[in-house]
Amino acid sequence: MTQTVSSLTLICLTVSCLWGFAIPAYLYVNIKRKTNADTLPFFVGCAVMFLFAFVLESGVHTIVLGSGIGQKIQGSTLLYALYGGLMAGLFEETGRFAAFKTVLSKKMDKDANALMYGGGHGGLEAMMILGFSMLNNLVMAMMINNGRISEMTASLSPAGAAEMNAAVAALTQTPSYMFLIGILERVFAVVIQISLSVLVWFAVKNKNRRYLFPAAVAVHFAVDALTVLLSGRMPALALEAVVGLLAVAAALFARKIWKEETAA
């Protein structure tokens, strides 16, 4: 029997894809309207996220994970979680710190710019991870339903064909609603990214708050490492509930720092 992607799955993929591209636009418009923050921090946030996470960090992963040590890391869930969490925390928080100290140094008088930067940082991540991945899934789903996957598989190497078949199985056998969970994941991720931006913002702005930079690295590390460790060990919705609690905790911590700094 020929495998096909259900209409409900196609709808869920489309909704998630649209959300992925709508999140950065919503963040920009909403933060701008409510705080009158500057525009530049948003696009600096986008640029830093792309450069430090998708270029520099990815480059390090290619080198490290392609080595003998990398094979050991990938062979252990614990090591992979610790490595991935540490790299994400170091690269992204360093990117934030560098941006606030240089490009945005003249924008530090307006604290709302920390929120705008976080919106760009988290929004670009949402677009790349949710928007483009769901778009890719939609294209593949169309190819499956049009019977074109077998043509592509025939021209691939055995390893490539195995990956393609796994992707086909995921799209045709995964319950439709599972493709909507990515929206919830990105919402929580945005909350965390904005919270971390606030912490690093005040670490740069106030020398007595320098400890907030390593604190941001630690929070980022903990969230990413715990997510990897728990993934596959509990239902997806339960995992998102855990991430949601972490997002609330990060937001409350950032809010506390914000109130203390703006009241000073």
Protein backbone atom coordinates (compact mmCIF):
# COMPACT_ATOMS: atom_id res chain seq x y z
CA MET A 1 0.00 0.00 0.00
CA THR A 2 1.37 3.42 -0.99
CA GLN A 3 2.04 5.73 1.92
CA THR A 4 0.46 9.17 1.83
CA VAL A 5 0.40 12.17 4.14
CA SER A 6 -3.09 12.84 5.50
CA SER A 7 -4.94 16.08 4.85
CA LEU A 8 -5.01 16.80 8.58
CA THR A 9 -1.22 16.44 8.76
CA LEU A 10 -0.86 18.83 5.82
CA ILE A 11 -3.02 21.36 7.64
CA CYS A 12 -0.97 21.01 10.84
CA LEU A 13 2.28 21.37 8.89
CA THR A 14 0.95 24.51 7.21
CA VAL A 15 -0.19 26.04 10.50
CA SER A 16 3.18 25.36 12.14
CA CYS A 17 5.04 26.73 9.14
CA LEU A 18 3.02 29.95 9.18
CA TRP A 19 3.59 30.33 12.92
CA GLY A 20 7.31 29.93 12.42
CA PHE A 21 7.43 32.85 10.02
CA ALA A 22 4.85 34.92 11.92
CA ILE A 23 6.59 34.79 15.31
CA PRO A 24 9.44 37.23 14.48
CA ALA A 25 7.03 39.66 12.81
CA TYR A 26 4.67 39.52 15.79
CA LEU A 27 7.53 40.06 18.25
CA TYR A 28 8.86 43.06 16.37
CA VAL A 29 5.48 44.77 15.98
CA ASN A 30 4.28 44.00 19.51
CA ILE A 31 7.47 45.02 21.32
CA LYS A 32 7.79 48.16 19.19
CA ARG A 33 4.19 49.16 19.86
CA LYS A 34 4.28 48.54 23.61
CA THR A 35 7.76 49.85 24.47
CA ASN A 36 8.77 52.17 21.62
CA ALA A 37 12.12 50.36 21.52
CA ASP A 38 14.59 51.07 18.72
CA THR A 39 14.51 49.02 15.54
CA LEU A 40 18.24 48.25 15.32
CA PRO A 41 18.40 45.85 18.31
CA PHE A 42 15.86 43.54 16.70
CA PHE A 43 17.92 43.04 13.56
CA VAL A 44 21.15 42.83 15.54
CA GLY A 45 19.49 40.03 17.50
CA CYS A 46 18.62 38.26 14.24
CA ALA A 47 22.18 38.68 12.95
CA VAL A 48 23.83 37.48 16.17
CA MET A 49 21.58 34.43 16.35
CA PHE A 50 22.41 33.50 12.77
CA LEU A 51 26.15 34.16 13.06
CA PHE A 52 26.87 32.69 16.48
CA ALA A 53 24.42 29.74 16.43
CA PHE A 54 23.91 28.75 12.82
CA VAL A 55 27.40 29.57 11.52
CA LEU A 56 30.03 29.57 14.28
CA GLU A 57 28.47 27.02 16.63
CA SER A 58 27.49 24.75 13.74
CA GLY A 59 31.06 24.96 12.43
CA VAL A 60 32.44 23.85 15.79
CA HIS A 61 29.93 20.97 15.85
CA THR A 62 31.12 19.84 12.44
CA ILE A 63 34.72 19.71 13.64
CA VAL A 64 34.14 18.28 17.11
CA LEU A 65 31.42 15.74 16.31
CA GLY A 66 33.34 14.56 13.25
CA SER A 67 36.35 13.65 15.41
CA GLY A 68 37.04 10.62 17.56
CA ILE A 69 35.91 12.53 20.64
CA GLY A 70 32.74 13.46 18.78
CA GLN A 71 31.89 9.79 18.25
CA LYS A 72 32.13 9.22 21.99
CA ILE A 73 29.95 12.27 22.65
CA GLN A 74 27.30 11.10 20.21
CA GLY A 75 27.40 7.63 21.69
CA SER A 76 26.31 8.91 25.10
CA THR A 77 23.06 10.82 25.67
CA LEU A 78 24.49 12.41 28.81
CA LEU A 79 27.68 13.60 27.12
CA TYR A 80 25.72 14.82 24.09
CA ALA A 81 23.34 16.76 26.33
CA LEU A 82 26.17 18.34 28.31
CA TYR A 83 28.17 19.18 25.19
CA GLY A 84 25.20 20.60 23.26
CA GLY A 85 23.95 22.64 26.21
CA LEU A 86 27.37 24.08 26.94
CA MET A 87 28.05 25.04 23.32
CA ALA A 88 24.65 26.69 22.92
CA GLY A 89 25.06 28.64 26.15
CA LEU A 90 28.60 29.81 25.41
CA PHE A 91 28.04 30.81 21.80
CA GLU A 92 24.68 32.54 22.11
CA GLU A 93 25.36 34.37 25.37
CA THR A 94 28.78 35.45 24.15
CA GLY A 95 27.08 36.76 21.03
CA ARG A 96 24.67 38.75 23.14
CA PHE A 97 27.44 40.14 25.31
CA ALA A 98 29.54 41.14 22.29
CA ALA A 99 26.57 42.82 20.59
CA PHE A 100 25.69 44.87 23.66
CA LYS A 101 29.30 45.92 24.17
CA THR A 102 29.85 46.97 20.54
CA VAL A 103 27.08 47.47 17.98
CA LEU A 104 24.43 48.34 20.57
CA SER A 105 26.66 50.21 23.02
CA LYS A 106 24.95 53.49 22.12
CA LYS A 107 21.49 51.98 22.59
CA MET A 108 22.00 50.95 26.23
CA ASP A 109 20.15 54.00 27.57
CA LYS A 110 16.80 52.44 26.64
CA ASP A 111 16.24 49.17 28.51
CA ALA A 112 13.35 48.21 26.23
CA ASN A 113 16.03 47.52 23.61
CA ALA A 114 16.92 44.37 25.57
CA LEU A 115 13.43 43.07 24.81
CA MET A 116 13.70 44.10 21.18
CA TYR A 117 17.04 42.35 20.84
CA GLY A 118 15.59 39.23 22.46
CA GLY A 119 12.69 39.35 20.03
CA GLY A 120 15.09 39.33 17.09
CA HIS A 121 17.28 36.61 18.59
CA GLY A 122 14.37 34.33 19.46
CA GLY A 123 12.33 35.28 16.40
CA LEU A 124 15.07 34.36 13.95
CA GLU A 125 15.51 31.04 15.76
CA ALA A 126 11.78 30.35 15.45
CA MET A 127 11.83 31.12 11.75
CA MET A 128 14.86 28.92 11.09
CA ILE A 129 13.88 25.98 13.28
CA LEU A 130 10.10 25.94 12.96
CA GLY A 131 9.30 27.90 9.81
CA PHE A 132 11.85 26.43 7.42
CA SER A 133 11.72 22.89 8.85
CA MET A 134 7.93 22.79 8.45
CA LEU A 135 8.26 24.26 4.96
CA ASN A 136 10.68 21.46 4.10
CA ASN A 137 8.23 18.93 5.55
CA LEU A 138 5.43 20.40 3.47
CA VAL A 139 7.46 20.10 0.27
CA MET A 140 8.32 16.50 1.09
CA ALA A 141 4.71 15.74 1.97
CA MET A 142 3.60 17.02 -1.43
CA MET A 143 6.21 14.84 -3.12
CA ILE A 144 5.04 11.81 -1.16
CA ASN A 145 1.42 12.37 -2.14
CA ASN A 146 2.44 12.92 -5.77
CA GLY A 147 4.39 9.65 -5.80
CA ARG A 148 7.75 11.27 -6.51
CA ILE A 149 9.70 10.03 -3.47
CA SER A 150 10.60 6.70 -5.09
CA GLU A 151 12.28 8.57 -7.96
CA MET A 152 14.45 10.54 -5.55
CA THR A 153 15.27 7.53 -3.38
CA ALA A 154 16.53 5.61 -6.39
CA SER A 155 19.25 8.20 -7.04
CA LEU A 156 20.48 8.30 -3.45
CA SER A 157 23.19 6.33 -1.68
CA PRO A 158 22.03 3.57 0.71
CA ALA A 159 22.54 5.90 3.68
CA GLY A 160 20.68 8.72 1.94
CA ALA A 161 17.84 6.40 0.95
CA ALA A 162 17.54 5.22 4.57
CA GLU A 163 17.28 8.83 5.76
CA MET A 164 14.67 9.59 3.13
CA ASN A 165 12.61 6.54 4.09
CA ALA A 166 12.80 7.55 7.76
CA ALA A 167 11.55 11.03 6.87
CA VAL A 168 8.70 9.54 4.84
CA ALA A 169 7.75 7.28 7.74
CA ALA A 170 7.76 10.24 10.13
CA LEU A 171 5.43 12.29 7.92
CA THR A 172 3.02 9.43 7.17
CA GLN A 173 2.90 7.74 10.57
CA THR A 174 3.26 10.54 13.13
CA PRO A 175 -0.08 11.71 14.61
CA SER A 176 -1.06 14.99 12.97
CA TYR A 177 -1.29 16.99 16.20
CA MET A 178 2.39 16.28 16.95
CA PHE A 179 3.37 18.73 14.22
CA LEU A 180 1.70 21.51 16.22
CA ILE A 181 3.82 20.94 19.33
CA GLY A 182 6.66 22.82 17.67
CA ILE A 183 4.59 26.01 18.03
CA LEU A 184 4.42 25.56 21.80
CA GLU A 185 8.14 24.76 21.90
CA ARG A 186 9.02 27.95 20.03
CA VAL A 187 6.79 30.10 22.24
CA PHE A 188 8.60 28.83 25.34
CA ALA A 189 11.96 29.25 23.57
CA VAL A 190 11.17 32.89 22.76
CA VAL A 191 10.30 33.57 26.41
CA ILE A 192 13.65 32.08 27.43
CA GLN A 193 15.58 33.98 24.75
CA ILE A 194 14.09 37.32 25.78
CA SER A 195 14.76 36.53 29.45
CA LEU A 196 18.39 35.67 28.73
CA SER A 197 18.75 38.88 26.73
CA VAL A 198 17.59 40.87 29.76
CA LEU A 199 20.13 39.14 32.00
CA VAL A 200 23.05 39.77 29.67
CA TRP A 201 21.85 43.32 29.00
CA PHE A 202 22.18 44.26 32.66
CA ALA A 203 25.43 42.28 32.97
CA VAL A 204 26.87 44.67 30.38
CA LYS A 205 25.14 47.80 31.62
CA ASN A 206 25.97 47.38 35.32
CA LYS A 207 29.47 46.23 36.28
CA ASN A 208 28.11 45.05 39.63
CA ARG A 209 25.87 42.65 37.72
CA ARG A 210 28.60 40.93 35.71
CA TYR A 211 27.60 37.64 37.34
CA LEU A 212 24.46 37.71 35.21
CA PHE A 213 26.50 36.75 32.16
CA PRO A 214 27.67 33.37 33.53
CA ALA A 215 24.19 33.01 35.03
CA ALA A 216 22.69 33.36 31.55
CA VAL A 217 25.15 30.77 30.19
CA ALA A 218 24.18 28.43 33.04
CA VAL A 219 20.45 28.87 32.43
CA HIS A 220 20.85 28.30 28.71
CA PHE A 221 23.00 25.24 29.36
CA ALA A 222 20.52 23.79 31.87
CA VAL A 223 17.50 24.23 29.60
CA ASP A 224 19.14 22.72 26.51
CA ALA A 225 20.87 19.87 28.36
CA LEU A 226 17.75 18.91 30.29
CA THR A 227 15.65 18.97 27.12
CA VAL A 228 18.03 16.53 25.40
CA LEU A 229 18.17 14.26 28.47
CA LEU A 230 14.39 14.10 28.81
CA SER A 231 13.62 13.83 25.09
CA GLY A 232 12.35 10.34 24.30
CA ARG A 233 12.05 9.54 28.01
CA MET A 234 8.65 11.15 28.47
CA PRO A 235 5.67 12.09 26.26
CA ALA A 236 6.25 15.14 24.07
CA LEU A 237 3.57 17.20 25.81
CA ALA A 238 5.04 16.37 29.23
CA LEU A 239 8.46 17.48 27.98
CA GLU A 240 7.00 20.76 26.76
CA ALA A 241 5.38 21.23 30.17
CA VAL A 242 8.82 20.94 31.76
CA VAL A 243 10.27 23.43 29.27
CA GLY A 244 7.32 25.71 29.96
CA LEU A 245 8.10 25.68 33.68
CA LEU A 246 11.75 26.48 32.93
CA ALA A 247 10.62 29.36 30.71
CA VAL A 248 8.43 30.75 33.50
CA ALA A 249 11.31 30.46 35.98
CA ALA A 250 13.68 32.26 33.59
CA ALA A 251 11.13 34.98 32.95
CA LEU A 252 10.51 35.55 36.67
CA PHE A 253 14.25 35.78 37.32
CA ALA A 254 14.70 38.27 34.47
CA ARG A 255 11.68 40.26 35.67
CA LYS A 256 13.18 40.49 39.17
CA ILE A 257 16.47 41.79 37.80
CA TRP A 258 14.63 44.21 35.51
CA LYS A 259 12.63 45.68 38.39
CA GLU A 260 15.71 46.03 40.58
CA GLU A 261 17.68 47.76 37.83
CA THR A 262 14.96 50.09 36.58
CA ALA A 263 14.03 51.09 40.13
CA ALA A 264 17.62 51.99 41.00
